[in-house]
Amino acid sequence: MDILFSKIYGELMEGRVKLAVVGLGYVGLPLALEFARFVDVVGVDVDEALVAKLWKGVDPNGEIGADSFEGRRISFTTNPAELKGARFIVVAVPTPVDRHNKPDLSPLLSATKSVGKYLKRGDVVVYESTVYPGCTEEECVPVLESLSGLKCGVDFKVGYSPERINPGDTEHSLQNTVKIVSGCDGETLDLVARVYELVVKAGVHRAPAMKVAEAAKIIENTQRDVNIALMNELSILFNRMGINTYDVLKAAGTKWNFLPFTPGLVGGHCIGVDPYYLVHKAAALKYHTQMVASGRFVNDSMGGYIAKQTVKRLLGARVVSGAAGAAPSGAGPGGAAAGAAAPAASRAGLRVLVMGFTYKENVSDIRNTRVADIVNELQSYNLQVDVVDPKADGAEVLDEYGIVLAPKAEGMYDAVILAVAHKEYREMRVEGLSALIADGGLFVDVRGLFREMEEKFMYWSL
């Protein structure tokens, strides 16, 4: 092993050098705090307000308690020059898509530039951000080399270890989830594995190449996206057949090898985004990913579909004879709603409550939430829509989506849509939910969690 790199682990453990984490969001912060139990850590982020809160032991995302900051060997800064004192640098920044669903590498490349400016001989840089296979070597390494004047594999080393953080999940943590590790060569792989084994008690899996590790991460989320898309498409079909989707899934689930996926909204910064990176890379190789792209189309359309089905049932008694019939064909996977062209007078005064706005339950993250599609579609019918969410920040929702969160539900509603099943909503039980729905009203249970409501109200779920 090159003596230039062989000393890094010992220097970290002795406190002679620091480990740096660039990006202190859902992924970087828990990683930095866990490493800080064993080595000196500097956490770097461009968000001054975030860094100020972290110094006070406050996680703005509400995922980490104040006790997790106590006694940790960590400092927080917005100054990338602090990277000078680090020899093992982890980059954990978002990798979103743009409005055309193309990879937006600007946060990743910006962080890479900050690292490159202060990169030294003997440093190791490990990327955790989800990217398409080959991105680390094709996009990041050239930037590091250009800004540092150093050569990868000779003067500095690069590794890739994809994040597997699942926000809101208290069962599967950094410590008990196997970590995939990889490196630009064998000695880098050994070092990266050894460092991560400090904090990952479940152990590490050594991938033979960085491209393999990148591909493994992206198909984890793509597989889930495609499976949910299948359930969503079947739900649309079963709805037209007059079959209850959950009755079908319960029956099919008696087979030992039937996978327990259910229909629902797919948003956020991982599952609803990562497949587009694979689609992009495939297109560059002149290959059209029919299944992956189709799955994305189906899942991105479900918010509009849910809204249309809500309108169909809500207006059915006023506009459409036999509203319980099949949805007509039309744009999108579920077709247009019956009553979509109904005069505004027939919709006047109808109130709809949307419960939950974040991209998934029990988190505050609103990135790429498909609930926004439900709200926008409902408002396009000129319905009065109230949106409530105990987790989401109202100012962020207004700034990002132009949607005003109500402080609480007021009165009774013609329709209530349980869009995101936060713990607070699950604990309301049937009685609490019933108090919000007017006589003859509609309850839309997106995930089918309160199927007993079918006995009391008009009820619909995916």
Protein backbone atom coordinates (compact mmCIF):
# COMPACT_ATOMS: atom_id res chain seq x y z
CA MET A 1 0.00 0.00 0.00
CA ASP A 2 1.20 3.52 -0.86
CA ILE A 3 2.54 5.07 2.36
CA LEU A 4 0.88 8.36 1.33
CA PHE A 5 -2.54 6.82 1.93
CA SER A 6 -1.78 4.01 4.37
CA LYS A 7 -1.47 6.41 7.30
CA ILE A 8 -4.89 8.06 6.89
CA TYR A 9 -6.84 5.66 9.11
CA GLY A 10 -4.32 5.93 11.95
CA GLU A 11 -4.16 9.72 11.63
CA LEU A 12 -7.96 9.92 11.82
CA MET A 13 -8.12 7.72 14.92
CA GLU A 14 -5.32 9.68 16.60
CA GLY A 15 -7.02 13.02 15.88
CA ARG A 16 -4.13 14.30 13.77
CA VAL A 17 -6.37 14.94 10.75
CA LYS A 18 -10.10 15.40 10.25
CA LEU A 19 -12.83 13.68 8.32
CA ALA A 20 -15.01 16.14 6.40
CA VAL A 21 -18.62 15.79 5.28
CA VAL A 22 -19.75 18.19 2.56
CA GLY A 23 -23.53 18.57 2.59
CA LEU A 24 -25.42 18.36 5.89
CA GLY A 25 -28.91 17.34 4.87
CA TYR A 26 -30.80 14.08 5.43
CA VAL A 27 -27.74 12.08 4.39
CA GLY A 28 -24.73 14.10 5.45
CA LEU A 29 -25.79 15.15 8.94
CA PRO A 30 -26.44 11.70 10.47
CA LEU A 31 -23.26 10.43 8.81
CA ALA A 32 -21.18 13.31 10.18
CA LEU A 33 -22.58 12.92 13.70
CA GLU A 34 -21.97 9.19 13.72
CA PHE A 35 -18.38 9.56 12.51
CA ALA A 36 -17.89 12.25 15.18
CA ARG A 37 -18.25 9.57 17.84
CA PHE A 38 -14.87 8.19 16.75
CA VAL A 39 -12.91 10.88 14.86
CA ASP A 40 -12.71 14.65 14.51
CA VAL A 41 -15.23 15.83 11.92
CA VAL A 42 -15.87 19.10 10.11
CA GLY A 43 -19.28 19.46 8.50
CA VAL A 44 -19.49 21.86 5.57
CA ASP A 45 -22.67 23.29 4.04
CA VAL A 46 -23.50 26.38 1.97
CA ASP A 47 -26.64 27.12 4.02
CA GLU A 48 -25.72 29.64 6.73
CA ALA A 49 -29.06 29.30 8.53
CA LEU A 50 -28.65 25.53 8.65
CA VAL A 51 -25.13 25.74 10.05
CA ALA A 52 -26.28 28.19 12.73
CA LYS A 53 -28.99 25.75 13.85
CA LEU A 54 -26.58 22.81 13.86
CA TRP A 55 -24.25 24.68 16.20
CA LYS A 56 -27.23 24.89 18.58
CA GLY A 57 -27.87 21.16 18.29
CA VAL A 58 -31.01 21.58 16.21
CA ASP A 59 -31.77 19.46 13.15
CA PRO A 60 -34.21 21.49 11.00
CA ASN A 61 -35.55 18.28 9.49
CA GLY A 62 -36.57 16.93 12.88
CA GLU A 63 -34.89 13.60 12.23
CA ILE A 64 -32.13 13.87 14.86
CA GLY A 65 -32.57 14.80 18.52
CA ALA A 66 -30.39 17.25 20.44
CA ASP A 67 -28.81 14.41 22.42
CA SER A 68 -27.16 13.13 19.23
CA PHE A 69 -25.08 16.32 19.08
CA GLU A 70 -23.81 16.06 22.64
CA GLY A 71 -20.22 14.97 23.12
CA ARG A 72 -19.54 14.70 19.40
CA ARG A 73 -16.15 15.73 18.02
CA ILE A 74 -17.63 17.93 15.32
CA SER A 75 -17.66 21.49 14.03
CA PHE A 76 -19.92 23.09 11.42
CA THR A 77 -18.99 25.71 8.86
CA THR A 78 -19.92 27.34 5.56
CA ASN A 79 -16.24 27.96 4.79
CA PRO A 80 -14.82 25.30 2.43
CA ALA A 81 -11.30 26.39 3.41
CA GLU A 82 -11.84 24.25 6.52
CA LEU A 83 -11.34 21.28 4.22
CA LYS A 84 -7.61 21.97 4.41
CA GLY A 85 -7.46 20.10 7.70
CA ALA A 86 -9.26 17.02 6.37
CA ARG A 87 -7.78 14.04 4.55
CA PHE A 88 -10.90 11.89 4.19
CA ILE A 89 -13.70 13.88 2.55
CA VAL A 90 -17.25 12.65 2.02
CA VAL A 91 -19.53 14.46 -0.44
CA ALA A 92 -23.23 14.00 0.32
CA VAL A 93 -25.18 16.63 -1.59
CA PRO A 94 -28.51 16.36 -3.46
CA THR A 95 -28.67 15.23 -7.08
CA PRO A 96 -32.05 16.49 -8.33
CA VAL A 97 -33.51 16.76 -11.82
CA ASP A 98 -34.45 19.92 -13.69
CA ARG A 99 -37.92 20.85 -14.96
CA HIS A 100 -37.33 18.62 -17.99
CA ASN A 101 -36.48 15.67 -15.71
CA LYS A 102 -32.84 15.76 -16.78
CA PRO A 103 -30.06 15.26 -14.20
CA ASP A 104 -29.10 18.47 -12.44
CA LEU A 105 -25.51 17.94 -11.38
CA SER A 106 -24.95 21.55 -10.32
CA PRO A 107 -25.02 20.86 -6.53
CA LEU A 108 -22.66 17.91 -7.00
CA LEU A 109 -20.24 19.79 -9.22
CA SER A 110 -20.35 22.87 -6.99
CA ALA A 111 -19.39 20.75 -3.99
CA THR A 112 -16.70 19.04 -6.06
CA LYS A 113 -15.22 22.42 -6.98
CA SER A 114 -15.08 23.40 -3.32
CA VAL A 115 -13.27 20.16 -2.52
CA GLY A 116 -10.95 20.48 -5.51
CA LYS A 117 -9.73 23.93 -4.48
CA TYR A 118 -8.37 22.57 -1.22
CA LEU A 119 -7.44 19.04 -2.26
CA LYS A 120 -3.97 17.89 -1.17
CA ARG A 121 -1.68 15.02 -2.01
CA GLY A 122 -2.72 11.99 0.00
CA ASP A 123 -6.40 12.96 0.34
CA VAL A 124 -9.31 10.58 -0.29
CA VAL A 125 -12.66 11.83 -1.59
CA VAL A 126 -15.74 9.59 -1.27
CA TYR A 127 -19.04 10.39 -2.97
CA GLU A 128 -22.39 9.32 -1.50
CA SER A 129 -24.74 11.21 -3.84
CA THR A 130 -26.93 9.08 -6.10
CA VAL A 131 -25.76 9.33 -9.73
CA TYR A 132 -25.87 7.34 -12.95
CA PRO A 133 -23.14 4.71 -13.44
CA GLY A 134 -19.88 6.36 -14.46
CA CYS A 135 -20.72 9.85 -13.21
CA THR A 136 -18.10 9.96 -10.46
CA GLU A 137 -15.26 9.15 -12.85
CA GLU A 138 -16.63 11.04 -15.85
CA GLU A 139 -17.85 14.25 -14.18
CA CYS A 140 -16.36 14.61 -10.70
CA VAL A 141 -12.80 13.35 -11.06
CA PRO A 142 -11.91 15.73 -13.95
CA VAL A 143 -13.06 18.69 -11.83
CA LEU A 144 -10.98 17.55 -8.87
CA GLU A 145 -7.92 17.11 -11.08
CA SER A 146 -8.37 20.44 -12.86
CA LEU A 147 -8.72 22.56 -9.73
CA SER A 148 -6.10 20.76 -7.64
CA GLY A 149 -3.52 20.14 -10.33
CA LEU A 150 -3.25 16.61 -8.95
CA LYS A 151 -3.73 13.21 -10.57
CA CYS A 152 -6.43 10.80 -9.39
CA GLY A 153 -5.04 7.40 -8.47
CA VAL A 154 -1.59 8.86 -7.94
CA ASP A 155 -1.84 12.02 -5.83
CA PHE A 156 -5.33 11.53 -4.43
CA LYS A 157 -7.88 8.72 -4.41
CA VAL A 158 -11.63 8.59 -5.02
CA GLY A 159 -14.29 6.21 -3.73
CA TYR A 160 -18.03 5.82 -3.98
CA SER A 161 -20.37 4.63 -1.23
CA PRO A 162 -24.05 5.29 -1.98
CA GLU A 163 -26.27 6.62 0.76
CA ARG A 164 -29.08 4.40 2.01
CA ILE A 165 -30.76 6.77 4.44
CA ASN A 166 -34.55 6.42 4.56
CA PRO A 167 -36.03 9.57 6.18
CA GLY A 168 -38.72 8.89 8.74
CA ASP A 169 -37.66 5.25 9.12
CA THR A 170 -36.55 4.50 12.67
CA GLU A 171 -36.05 0.79 12.00
CA HIS A 172 -33.44 0.96 9.25
CA SER A 173 -30.60 3.25 10.31
CA LEU A 174 -27.10 4.04 9.12
CA GLN A 175 -25.71 1.67 11.72
CA ASN A 176 -27.82 -1.40 10.89
CA THR A 177 -27.96 -1.12 7.10
CA VAL A 178 -25.18 -2.77 5.07
CA LYS A 179 -23.05 -0.14 3.30
CA ILE A 180 -21.85 -0.59 -0.26
CA VAL A 181 -18.28 0.67 -0.67
CA SER A 182 -16.03 0.99 -3.71
CA GLY A 183 -12.82 2.70 -4.75
CA CYS A 184 -10.73 3.69 -7.72
CA ASP A 185 -8.31 0.89 -6.80
CA GLY A 186 -7.82 -1.89 -4.28
CA GLU A 187 -6.08 0.11 -1.57
CA THR A 188 -8.75 2.82 -1.74
CA LEU A 189 -11.46 0.18 -1.40
CA ASP A 190 -9.72 -1.23 1.67
CA LEU A 191 -9.42 2.21 3.27
CA VAL A 192 -13.00 3.25 2.50
CA ALA A 193 -14.29 -0.05 3.87
CA ARG A 194 -12.26 0.30 7.05
CA VAL A 195 -13.42 3.87 7.70
CA TYR A 196 -17.10 3.08 7.14
CA GLU A 197 -16.87 -0.02 9.32
CA LEU A 198 -16.37 2.39 12.22
CA VAL A 199 -20.00 3.48 12.01
CA VAL A 200 -21.84 0.73 10.12
CA LYS A 201 -22.24 -2.18 12.50
CA ALA A 202 -24.07 -4.22 9.85
CA GLY A 203 -20.86 -4.28 7.83
CA VAL A 204 -19.93 -3.29 4.31
CA HIS A 205 -20.27 -4.86 0.88
CA ARG A 206 -17.22 -4.34 -1.31
CA ALA A 207 -18.28 -3.61 -4.88
CA PRO A 208 -15.63 -4.45 -7.50
CA ALA A 209 -15.88 -1.04 -9.19
CA MET A 210 -17.35 2.39 -8.57
CA LYS A 211 -19.68 1.97 -11.56
CA VAL A 212 -21.07 -1.16 -9.95
CA ALA A 213 -21.77 0.70 -6.70
CA GLU A 214 -23.38 3.58 -8.60
CA ALA A 215 -25.56 1.18 -10.57
CA ALA A 216 -26.53 -0.76 -7.45
CA LYS A 217 -27.82 2.36 -5.76
CA ILE A 218 -29.80 3.61 -8.71
CA ILE A 219 -31.54 0.29 -9.32
CA GLU A 220 -32.54 0.01 -5.65
CA ASN A 221 -34.82 3.00 -6.15
CA THR A 222 -35.71 2.20 -9.75
CA GLN A 223 -36.90 -1.27 -8.80
CA ARG A 224 -39.22 0.18 -6.16
CA ASP A 225 -40.46 2.87 -8.54
CA VAL A 226 -41.31 0.35 -11.26
CA ASN A 227 -43.05 -2.02 -8.84
CA ILE A 228 -45.20 0.78 -7.42
CA ALA A 229 -45.99 1.91 -10.97
CA LEU A 230 -47.24 -1.60 -11.74
CA MET A 231 -49.52 -1.49 -8.70
CA ASN A 232 -50.74 1.98 -9.68
CA GLU A 233 -51.56 0.86 -13.20
CA LEU A 234 -53.34 -2.24 -11.93
CA SER A 235 -55.27 -0.06 -9.49
CA ILE A 236 -56.52 2.08 -12.38
CA LEU A 237 -57.53 -1.05 -14.28
CA PHE A 238 -59.24 -2.66 -11.29
CA ASN A 239 -61.12 0.58 -10.66
CA ARG A 240 -62.62 0.33 -14.13
CA MET A 241 -63.49 -3.30 -13.48
CA GLY A 242 -65.20 -2.49 -10.19
CA ILE A 243 -62.68 -4.59 -8.26
CA ASN A 244 -61.16 -3.51 -4.93
CA THR A 245 -57.37 -3.38 -5.36
CA TYR A 246 -56.63 -4.29 -1.75
CA ASP A 247 -58.90 -7.32 -1.91
CA VAL A 248 -56.87 -8.46 -4.93
CA LEU A 249 -53.54 -7.83 -3.18
CA LYS A 250 -54.69 -9.67 -0.06
CA ALA A 251 -55.66 -12.70 -2.12
CA ALA A 252 -52.51 -12.64 -4.25
CA GLY A 253 -50.40 -12.22 -1.11
CA THR A 254 -51.24 -15.74 -0.01
CA LYS A 255 -48.68 -16.94 -2.59
CA TRP A 256 -45.27 -17.20 -0.95
CA ASN A 257 -43.38 -15.33 -3.69
CA PHE A 258 -45.82 -12.46 -4.28
CA LEU A 259 -44.08 -9.15 -3.52
CA PRO A 260 -46.00 -6.86 -1.12
CA PHE A 261 -46.08 -3.60 -3.10
CA THR A 262 -49.11 -1.30 -2.93
CA PRO A 263 -50.32 1.63 -5.06
CA GLY A 264 -49.62 5.19 -3.96
CA LEU A 265 -47.97 8.52 -4.62
CA VAL A 266 -44.25 8.49 -5.45
CA GLY A 267 -42.36 11.72 -4.83
CA GLY A 268 -39.38 13.02 -2.92
CA HIS A 269 -35.72 13.30 -3.77
CA CYS A 270 -34.94 9.61 -4.31
CA ILE A 271 -37.47 7.20 -5.79
CA GLY A 272 -39.22 9.87 -7.84
CA VAL A 273 -35.94 11.27 -9.19
CA ASP A 274 -33.24 8.61 -9.46
CA PRO A 275 -34.79 6.61 -12.33
CA TYR A 276 -34.46 9.70 -14.53
CA TYR A 277 -30.68 9.49 -14.08
CA LEU A 278 -30.78 5.97 -15.49
CA VAL A 279 -33.04 7.09 -18.35
CA HIS A 280 -30.56 9.88 -19.12
CA LYS A 281 -27.56 7.57 -19.19
CA ALA A 282 -29.41 5.03 -21.33
CA ALA A 283 -30.34 7.74 -23.84
CA ALA A 284 -26.68 8.75 -24.06
CA LEU A 285 -25.97 5.15 -25.03
CA LYS A 286 -28.80 5.27 -27.60
CA TYR A 287 -31.01 2.90 -25.62
CA HIS A 288 -34.62 3.66 -24.71
CA THR A 289 -35.56 2.34 -21.27
CA GLN A 290 -39.19 1.49 -21.93
CA MET A 291 -40.05 0.02 -18.54
CA VAL A 292 -38.20 2.60 -16.42
CA ALA A 293 -39.55 5.57 -18.39
CA SER A 294 -43.09 4.17 -18.42
CA GLY A 295 -42.99 3.63 -14.68
CA ARG A 296 -42.00 7.24 -14.17
CA PHE A 297 -44.86 8.40 -16.40
CA VAL A 298 -47.43 6.35 -14.51
CA ASN A 299 -46.25 7.45 -11.07
CA ASP A 300 -45.93 11.12 -12.01
CA SER A 301 -49.53 11.03 -13.26
CA MET A 302 -51.13 9.60 -10.12
CA GLY A 303 -51.75 12.92 -8.36
CA GLY A 304 -53.86 14.15 -11.25
CA TYR A 305 -55.64 10.80 -11.44
CA ILE A 306 -56.58 10.90 -7.75
CA ALA A 307 -57.93 14.44 -8.11
CA LYS A 308 -60.00 13.48 -11.17
CA GLN A 309 -61.46 10.48 -9.38
CA THR A 310 -62.32 12.72 -6.43
CA VAL A 311 -64.12 15.19 -8.69
CA LYS A 312 -65.93 12.39 -10.49
CA ARG A 313 -67.36 11.02 -7.27
CA LEU A 314 -67.93 14.39 -5.65
CA LEU A 315 -69.93 15.72 -8.59
CA GLY A 316 -71.47 12.41 -9.58
CA ALA A 317 -74.76 12.96 -7.80
CA ARG A 318 -75.09 16.43 -9.36
CA VAL A 319 -73.76 15.89 -12.85
CA VAL A 320 -73.28 12.27 -13.83
CA SER A 321 -75.90 9.59 -13.68
CA GLY A 322 -74.43 6.47 -12.11
CA ALA A 323 -71.21 8.06 -10.87
CA ALA A 324 -69.87 4.73 -9.66
CA GLY A 325 -69.29 3.58 -13.24
CA ALA A 326 -65.95 3.26 -14.95
CA ALA A 327 -63.80 6.31 -15.62
CA PRO A 328 -63.91 7.39 -19.26
CA SER A 329 -60.79 7.30 -21.37
CA GLY A 330 -58.73 10.45 -21.70
CA ALA A 331 -55.37 12.04 -21.05
CA GLY A 332 -53.15 10.49 -18.41
CA PRO A 333 -53.28 6.96 -17.05
CA GLY A 334 -56.69 7.31 -15.43
CA GLY A 335 -58.54 9.26 -18.10
CA ALA A 336 -60.54 12.44 -17.56
CA ALA A 337 -63.04 12.69 -14.74
CA ALA A 338 -66.72 12.48 -15.39
CA GLY A 339 -68.07 15.92 -14.59
CA ALA A 340 -64.81 17.60 -15.57
CA ALA A 341 -66.70 19.83 -17.95
CA ALA A 342 -69.52 20.47 -15.50
CA PRO A 343 -70.64 24.10 -15.19
CA ALA A 344 -69.06 26.08 -12.39
CA ALA A 345 -72.46 26.44 -10.71
CA SER A 346 -72.50 22.71 -9.98
CA ARG A 347 -69.18 23.03 -8.17
CA ALA A 348 -69.91 26.25 -6.28
CA GLY A 349 -69.34 25.99 -2.55
CA LEU A 350 -67.91 22.47 -2.58
CA ARG A 351 -65.13 22.17 0.00
CA VAL A 352 -62.29 19.65 -0.12
CA LEU A 353 -59.75 18.96 2.62
CA VAL A 354 -56.36 17.52 1.67
CA MET A 355 -54.60 15.98 4.66
CA GLY A 356 -50.83 15.82 4.29
CA PHE A 357 -48.54 17.59 1.85
CA THR A 358 -45.01 16.21 2.37
CA TYR A 359 -43.68 13.67 -0.09
CA LYS A 360 -44.07 10.81 2.41
CA GLU A 361 -45.41 10.19 5.87
CA ASN A 362 -43.71 11.39 9.06
CA VAL A 363 -41.16 13.68 7.40
CA SER A 364 -41.09 17.44 6.80
CA ASP A 365 -39.57 17.22 3.32
CA ILE A 366 -41.75 18.69 0.56
CA ARG A 367 -39.36 18.15 -2.35
CA ASN A 368 -41.10 16.75 -5.42
CA THR A 369 -44.30 15.98 -3.50
CA ARG A 370 -47.02 14.68 -5.78
CA VAL A 371 -49.69 15.99 -3.40
CA ALA A 372 -49.15 19.34 -5.13
CA ASP A 373 -50.56 17.73 -8.29
CA ILE A 374 -53.71 16.75 -6.40
CA VAL A 375 -54.19 20.27 -5.04
CA ASN A 376 -53.53 22.01 -8.35
CA GLU A 377 -55.89 19.70 -10.22
CA LEU A 378 -58.67 20.20 -7.67
CA GLN A 379 -58.23 23.96 -7.78
CA SER A 380 -58.48 23.88 -11.57
CA TYR A 381 -62.12 22.77 -11.04
CA ASN A 382 -62.69 25.89 -8.92
CA LEU A 383 -63.27 23.86 -5.76
CA GLN A 384 -62.50 25.34 -2.34
CA VAL A 385 -59.44 23.39 -1.22
CA ASP A 386 -57.90 23.46 2.26
CA VAL A 387 -54.52 21.78 2.77
CA VAL A 388 -53.20 20.85 6.21
CA ASP A 389 -49.99 19.14 7.29
CA PRO A 390 -48.50 18.94 10.82
CA LYS A 391 -44.99 18.33 9.47
CA ALA A 392 -44.59 20.71 6.53
CA ASP A 393 -43.33 24.29 6.86
CA GLY A 394 -46.02 26.62 5.52
CA ALA A 395 -43.54 29.23 4.30
CA GLU A 396 -41.60 26.61 2.34
CA VAL A 397 -44.78 25.23 0.77
CA LEU A 398 -45.90 28.71 -0.30
CA ASP A 399 -42.47 29.57 -1.68
CA GLU A 400 -42.00 26.31 -3.58
CA TYR A 401 -45.54 25.57 -4.78
CA GLY A 402 -47.61 28.73 -4.27
CA ILE A 403 -50.00 26.74 -2.07
CA VAL A 404 -51.19 28.09 1.27
CA LEU A 405 -51.33 25.63 4.16
CA ALA A 406 -54.29 26.10 6.49
CA PRO A 407 -53.40 26.09 10.21
CA LYS A 408 -56.12 23.50 10.82
CA ALA A 409 -59.22 21.97 9.30
CA GLU A 410 -62.26 24.22 9.69
CA GLY A 411 -65.74 22.77 9.85
CA MET A 412 -66.91 19.89 7.69
CA TYR A 413 -65.99 19.10 4.10
CA ASP A 414 -67.73 17.61 1.10
CA ALA A 415 -64.62 15.53 0.49
CA VAL A 416 -61.60 14.64 2.60
CA ILE A 417 -58.47 13.25 0.94
CA LEU A 418 -56.00 11.47 3.22
CA ALA A 419 -53.00 12.01 0.96
CA VAL A 420 -50.12 11.46 3.42
CA ALA A 421 -50.70 9.16 6.38
CA HIS A 422 -48.70 10.96 9.06
CA LYS A 423 -48.78 9.38 12.51
CA GLU A 424 -51.08 12.17 13.69
CA TYR A 425 -53.66 11.22 11.07
CA ARG A 426 -53.43 7.49 11.68
CA GLU A 427 -54.12 8.13 15.36
CA MET A 428 -57.32 10.06 14.56
CA ARG A 429 -59.01 6.77 13.77
CA VAL A 430 -62.40 6.52 12.12
CA GLU A 431 -64.20 8.72 14.64
CA GLY A 432 -61.82 11.65 14.21
CA LEU A 433 -61.91 11.48 10.44
CA SER A 434 -65.69 11.15 10.39
CA ALA A 435 -66.03 14.46 12.22
CA LEU A 436 -64.52 16.23 9.20
CA ILE A 437 -66.84 14.79 6.55
CA ALA A 438 -70.28 16.24 5.85
CA ASP A 439 -73.33 14.00 5.50
CA GLY A 440 -73.16 12.28 2.15
CA GLY A 441 -69.54 13.34 1.83
CA LEU A 442 -66.62 11.52 0.24
CA PHE A 443 -63.54 10.05 1.90
CA VAL A 444 -60.56 9.44 -0.40
CA ASP A 445 -58.11 7.11 1.32
CA VAL A 446 -55.10 7.17 -1.00
CA ARG A 447 -53.26 4.28 0.66
CA GLY A 448 -56.32 2.33 1.76
CA LEU A 449 -55.58 2.58 5.49
CA PHE A 450 -59.16 3.20 6.67
CA ARG A 451 -61.17 0.81 4.58
CA GLU A 452 -63.74 0.48 7.37
CA MET A 453 -64.84 4.03 6.46
CA GLU A 454 -66.58 2.51 3.45
CA GLU A 455 -69.49 1.62 5.72
CA LYS A 456 -70.10 5.24 6.75
CA PHE A 457 -69.34 7.43 3.73
CA MET A 458 -68.77 7.41 0.04
CA TYR A 459 -65.31 5.86 0.01
CA TRP A 460 -62.59 5.48 -2.58
CA SER A 461 -58.97 4.40 -2.54
CA LEU A 462 -56.37 3.40 -5.08
